Amino acid sequence: PSLVGSEMCIRDSVITALINGETRNIKYNHLNSVSVTQGQQINIGDVIGLTGNTGNAADPDVIPHIHLQVFNSNWSQSLNPEDYLTTKFDSNYNPISNNCQ
């Protein structure tokens, strides 16, 4: 997939992206910092933020992590984030091929 254009709402850490011709809203939860600004164009491989443990994951015993959510253009349908990752994992968290380009 390719990311073309973006919107960033720091509080919600949301990127609106054009992926294979379709608009997707990608929400990143628990970022410690955000590296992009609203309206900035981003590309595959760009750093958008750093993972962390904010919000309900702020407990010191919680390992820094990210929750990734993908929605359609009007937020009415939640989509499987794995369909948008270049690396997928099996049930033991071992990387597997997924033919994502």
N, C-alpha and C. Protein backbone atom coordinates (compact mmCIF):
# COMPACT_ATOMS: atom_id res chain seq x y z
N PRO A 1 0.83 -1.21 0.00
CA PRO A 1 0.00 0.00 0.00
C PRO A 1 0.86 1.25 0.00
N SER A 2 0.30 2.32 -0.47
CA SER A 2 1.02 3.58 -0.41
C SER A 2 0.21 4.59 0.36
N LEU A 3 0.87 5.40 1.14
CA LEU A 3 0.21 6.44 1.91
C LEU A 3 0.40 7.75 1.17
N VAL A 4 -0.70 8.42 0.87
CA VAL A 4 -0.63 9.69 0.15
C VAL A 4 -1.40 10.71 0.93
N GLY A 5 -0.72 11.69 1.49
CA GLY A 5 -1.36 12.71 2.30
C GLY A 5 -1.66 12.17 3.69
N SER A 6 -1.93 13.06 4.59
CA SER A 6 -2.25 12.62 5.94
C SER A 6 -2.92 13.73 6.71
N GLU A 7 -3.64 13.35 7.72
CA GLU A 7 -4.14 14.29 8.72
C GLU A 7 -3.73 13.72 10.05
N MET A 8 -3.32 14.56 10.97
CA MET A 8 -2.91 14.07 12.27
C MET A 8 -3.64 14.85 13.34
N CYS A 9 -4.36 14.13 14.14
CA CYS A 9 -4.97 14.73 15.33
C CYS A 9 -4.15 14.17 16.48
N ILE A 10 -3.35 14.99 17.11
CA ILE A 10 -2.40 14.52 18.11
C ILE A 10 -3.11 13.73 19.20
N ARG A 11 -4.29 14.17 19.64
CA ARG A 11 -4.97 13.50 20.73
C ARG A 11 -5.36 12.07 20.36
N ASP A 12 -5.81 11.86 19.13
CA ASP A 12 -6.26 10.54 18.70
C ASP A 12 -5.23 9.79 17.87
N SER A 13 -4.17 10.46 17.42
CA SER A 13 -3.14 9.85 16.59
C SER A 13 -3.76 9.13 15.40
N VAL A 14 -4.42 9.88 14.54
CA VAL A 14 -5.11 9.33 13.38
C VAL A 14 -4.44 9.82 12.11
N ILE A 15 -4.21 8.90 11.18
CA ILE A 15 -3.73 9.26 9.86
C ILE A 15 -4.80 8.86 8.86
N THR A 16 -5.18 9.80 8.00
CA THR A 16 -6.07 9.50 6.90
C THR A 16 -5.19 9.29 5.68
N ALA A 17 -5.30 8.10 5.09
CA ALA A 17 -4.38 7.72 4.02
C ALA A 17 -5.14 7.21 2.81
N LEU A 18 -4.56 7.42 1.65
CA LEU A 18 -5.06 6.84 0.42
C LEU A 18 -4.24 5.59 0.16
N ILE A 19 -4.86 4.43 0.28
CA ILE A 19 -4.16 3.16 0.13
C ILE A 19 -4.80 2.41 -1.03
N ASN A 20 -4.01 2.19 -2.06
CA ASN A 20 -4.50 1.51 -3.27
C ASN A 20 -5.79 2.14 -3.78
N GLY A 21 -5.85 3.47 -3.73
CA GLY A 21 -6.99 4.20 -4.27
C GLY A 21 -8.17 4.34 -3.33
N GLU A 22 -8.09 3.81 -2.12
CA GLU A 22 -9.20 3.88 -1.17
C GLU A 22 -8.76 4.63 0.09
N THR A 23 -9.64 5.50 0.59
CA THR A 23 -9.34 6.25 1.80
C THR A 23 -9.50 5.36 3.02
N ARG A 24 -8.51 5.39 3.89
CA ARG A 24 -8.53 4.64 5.14
C ARG A 24 -8.13 5.56 6.27
N ASN A 25 -8.79 5.42 7.40
CA ASN A 25 -8.42 6.12 8.63
C ASN A 25 -7.68 5.11 9.51
N ILE A 26 -6.45 5.43 9.83
CA ILE A 26 -5.62 4.52 10.61
C ILE A 26 -5.36 5.18 11.96
N LYS A 27 -5.78 4.50 13.01
CA LYS A 27 -5.66 5.04 14.36
C LYS A 27 -4.56 4.29 15.11
N TYR A 28 -3.66 5.06 15.68
CA TYR A 28 -2.56 4.52 16.47
C TYR A 28 -2.78 4.91 17.93
N ASN A 29 -2.94 3.92 18.79
CA ASN A 29 -3.16 4.18 20.21
C ASN A 29 -1.88 3.91 21.00
N HIS A 30 -1.65 4.68 22.03
CA HIS A 30 -0.54 4.53 22.98
C HIS A 30 0.78 5.06 22.45
N LEU A 31 0.76 6.02 21.52
CA LEU A 31 2.02 6.63 21.10
C LEU A 31 2.54 7.55 22.19
N ASN A 32 3.83 7.47 22.48
CA ASN A 32 4.44 8.40 23.43
C ASN A 32 4.70 9.75 22.78
N SER A 33 4.98 9.73 21.47
CA SER A 33 5.19 10.98 20.75
C SER A 33 4.74 10.81 19.31
N VAL A 34 4.38 11.92 18.69
CA VAL A 34 3.94 11.93 17.30
C VAL A 34 4.97 12.73 16.50
N SER A 35 5.42 12.17 15.38
CA SER A 35 6.49 12.79 14.59
C SER A 35 6.00 13.49 13.33
N VAL A 36 4.70 13.51 13.09
CA VAL A 36 4.16 14.17 11.90
C VAL A 36 3.17 15.25 12.34
N THR A 37 2.87 16.16 11.42
CA THR A 37 1.95 17.24 11.71
C THR A 37 0.74 17.16 10.79
N GLN A 38 -0.35 17.79 11.19
CA GLN A 38 -1.57 17.77 10.39
C GLN A 38 -1.30 18.32 9.00
N GLY A 39 -1.75 17.59 7.98
CA GLY A 39 -1.59 18.01 6.60
C GLY A 39 -0.28 17.58 5.96
N GLN A 40 0.63 17.04 6.73
CA GLN A 40 1.92 16.60 6.21
C GLN A 40 1.74 15.38 5.32
N GLN A 41 2.43 15.34 4.18
CA GLN A 41 2.42 14.15 3.34
C GLN A 41 3.41 13.15 3.91
N ILE A 42 3.00 11.89 3.99
CA ILE A 42 3.86 10.84 4.51
C ILE A 42 4.00 9.75 3.47
N ASN A 43 5.05 8.98 3.60
CA ASN A 43 5.34 7.90 2.67
C ASN A 43 5.61 6.62 3.45
N ILE A 44 5.55 5.50 2.78
CA ILE A 44 5.87 4.23 3.41
C ILE A 44 7.27 4.31 4.00
N GLY A 45 7.42 3.89 5.23
CA GLY A 45 8.70 3.89 5.91
C GLY A 45 8.94 5.11 6.77
N ASP A 46 8.12 6.16 6.61
CA ASP A 46 8.29 7.34 7.45
C ASP A 46 7.90 7.03 8.89
N VAL A 47 8.64 7.58 9.83
CA VAL A 47 8.30 7.43 11.25
C VAL A 47 7.17 8.40 11.56
N ILE A 48 6.05 7.87 12.07
CA ILE A 48 4.93 8.74 12.43
C ILE A 48 4.86 9.00 13.92
N GLY A 49 5.50 8.15 14.70
CA GLY A 49 5.49 8.33 16.14
C GLY A 49 6.27 7.21 16.82
N LEU A 50 6.37 7.33 18.13
CA LEU A 50 7.07 6.33 18.92
C LEU A 50 6.09 5.61 19.83
N THR A 51 6.20 4.29 19.86
CA THR A 51 5.30 3.50 20.70
C THR A 51 5.52 3.82 22.16
N GLY A 52 4.50 3.58 22.94
CA GLY A 52 4.62 3.88 24.35
C GLY A 52 3.57 3.16 25.15
N ASN A 53 3.23 3.73 26.28
CA ASN A 53 2.17 3.17 27.13
C ASN A 53 1.41 4.33 27.75
N THR A 54 0.62 4.98 26.92
CA THR A 54 -0.20 6.11 27.36
C THR A 54 -1.62 5.65 27.65
N GLY A 55 -2.42 6.52 28.19
CA GLY A 55 -3.84 6.21 28.45
C GLY A 55 -3.99 5.07 29.43
N ASN A 56 -4.86 4.11 29.08
CA ASN A 56 -5.11 2.97 29.97
C ASN A 56 -3.92 2.03 30.08
N ALA A 57 -2.92 2.21 29.22
CA ALA A 57 -1.72 1.36 29.26
C ALA A 57 -0.57 2.04 30.00
N ALA A 58 -0.87 3.05 30.80
CA ALA A 58 0.18 3.82 31.48
C ALA A 58 0.75 3.12 32.70
N ASP A 59 0.22 2.00 33.08
CA ASP A 59 0.73 1.24 34.22
C ASP A 59 2.20 0.91 33.98
N PRO A 60 3.08 1.12 34.96
CA PRO A 60 4.51 0.83 34.76
C PRO A 60 4.80 -0.63 34.45
N ASP A 61 3.87 -1.53 34.76
CA ASP A 61 4.09 -2.95 34.47
C ASP A 61 3.70 -3.31 33.03
N VAL A 62 3.14 -2.36 32.28
CA VAL A 62 2.72 -2.63 30.91
C VAL A 62 3.87 -2.32 29.97
N ILE A 63 4.20 -3.26 29.10
CA ILE A 63 5.27 -3.08 28.13
C ILE A 63 4.80 -2.08 27.06
N PRO A 64 5.64 -1.10 26.67
CA PRO A 64 5.26 -0.18 25.60
C PRO A 64 4.82 -0.95 24.35
N HIS A 65 3.72 -0.52 23.77
CA HIS A 65 3.14 -1.22 22.63
C HIS A 65 2.24 -0.26 21.85
N ILE A 66 1.68 -0.73 20.78
CA ILE A 66 0.78 0.07 19.97
C ILE A 66 -0.46 -0.74 19.63
N HIS A 67 -1.59 -0.08 19.60
CA HIS A 67 -2.82 -0.67 19.08
C HIS A 67 -3.08 0.00 17.75
N LEU A 68 -3.24 -0.77 16.72
CA LEU A 68 -3.46 -0.25 15.37
C LEU A 68 -4.89 -0.60 14.96
N GLN A 69 -5.65 0.41 14.59
CA GLN A 69 -7.02 0.21 14.11
C GLN A 69 -7.15 0.84 12.74
N VAL A 70 -7.84 0.16 11.83
CA VAL A 70 -8.05 0.69 10.48
C VAL A 70 -9.56 0.74 10.23
N PHE A 71 -10.01 1.88 9.70
CA PHE A 71 -11.43 2.09 9.41
C PHE A 71 -11.58 2.58 7.98
N ASN A 72 -12.79 2.41 7.44
CA ASN A 72 -13.08 2.95 6.12
C ASN A 72 -13.15 4.47 6.19
N SER A 73 -13.44 5.12 5.07
CA SER A 73 -13.35 6.58 4.99
C SER A 73 -14.30 7.32 5.91
N ASN A 74 -15.48 6.76 6.22
CA ASN A 74 -16.42 7.47 7.09
C ASN A 74 -16.51 6.84 8.49
N TRP A 75 -15.55 6.01 8.84
CA TRP A 75 -15.43 5.40 10.17
C TRP A 75 -16.56 4.42 10.49
N SER A 76 -17.36 4.01 9.51
CA SER A 76 -18.50 3.13 9.79
C SER A 76 -18.12 1.66 9.81
N GLN A 77 -16.93 1.31 9.32
CA GLN A 77 -16.54 -0.09 9.28
C GLN A 77 -15.10 -0.25 9.74
N SER A 78 -14.91 -1.14 10.73
CA SER A 78 -13.57 -1.48 11.18
C SER A 78 -13.01 -2.54 10.25
N LEU A 79 -11.76 -2.39 9.83
CA LEU A 79 -11.11 -3.31 8.91
C LEU A 79 -9.98 -4.03 9.61
N ASN A 80 -9.59 -5.17 9.09
CA ASN A 80 -8.53 -5.97 9.69
C ASN A 80 -7.18 -5.29 9.44
N PRO A 81 -6.49 -4.82 10.50
CA PRO A 81 -5.20 -4.15 10.31
C PRO A 81 -4.15 -5.02 9.64
N GLU A 82 -4.24 -6.34 9.82
CA GLU A 82 -3.26 -7.23 9.20
C GLU A 82 -3.26 -7.12 7.69
N ASP A 83 -4.39 -6.71 7.10
CA ASP A 83 -4.45 -6.56 5.65
C ASP A 83 -3.61 -5.40 5.16
N TYR A 84 -3.13 -4.55 6.07
CA TYR A 84 -2.36 -3.36 5.70
C TYR A 84 -0.92 -3.40 6.19
N LEU A 85 -0.52 -4.51 6.77
CA LEU A 85 0.85 -4.66 7.26
C LEU A 85 1.69 -5.42 6.24
N THR A 86 2.95 -5.07 6.11
CA THR A 86 3.81 -5.78 5.18
C THR A 86 4.35 -7.07 5.78
N THR A 87 4.27 -7.21 7.09
CA THR A 87 4.67 -8.44 7.76
C THR A 87 3.50 -8.93 8.60
N LYS A 88 3.18 -10.20 8.47
CA LYS A 88 2.15 -10.81 9.31
C LYS A 88 2.82 -11.85 10.20
N PHE A 89 2.09 -12.25 11.23
CA PHE A 89 2.66 -13.17 12.21
C PHE A 89 1.72 -14.34 12.45
N ASP A 90 2.28 -15.52 12.76
CA ASP A 90 1.45 -16.66 13.11
C ASP A 90 1.08 -16.58 14.59
N SER A 91 0.40 -17.59 15.10
CA SER A 91 -0.09 -17.55 16.48
C SER A 91 1.04 -17.52 17.51
N ASN A 92 2.26 -17.88 17.10
CA ASN A 92 3.42 -17.81 17.99
C ASN A 92 4.24 -16.55 17.76
N TYR A 93 3.68 -15.59 17.00
CA TYR A 93 4.31 -14.30 16.70
C TYR A 93 5.56 -14.44 15.83
N ASN A 94 5.61 -15.50 15.02
CA ASN A 94 6.69 -15.66 14.05
C ASN A 94 6.26 -14.98 12.75
N PRO A 95 7.15 -14.20 12.10
CA PRO A 95 6.76 -13.55 10.85
C PRO A 95 6.44 -14.56 9.75
N ILE A 96 5.41 -14.27 8.98
CA ILE A 96 5.04 -15.09 7.83
C ILE A 96 4.80 -14.16 6.64
N SER A 97 4.89 -14.73 5.45
CA SER A 97 4.66 -13.95 4.22
C SER A 97 3.18 -13.66 4.04
N ASN A 98 2.85 -12.50 3.45
CA ASN A 98 1.44 -12.18 3.22
C ASN A 98 1.15 -11.59 1.86
N ASN A 99 2.14 -11.50 0.99
CA ASN A 99 1.97 -10.97 -0.37
C ASN A 99 1.50 -9.54 -0.40
N CYS A 100 1.70 -8.77 0.66
CA CYS A 100 1.32 -7.37 0.70
C CYS A 100 2.40 -6.57 0.01
N GLN A 101 2.02 -5.71 -0.93
CA GLN A 101 3.01 -4.93 -1.68
C GLN A 101 2.93 -3.49 -1.30
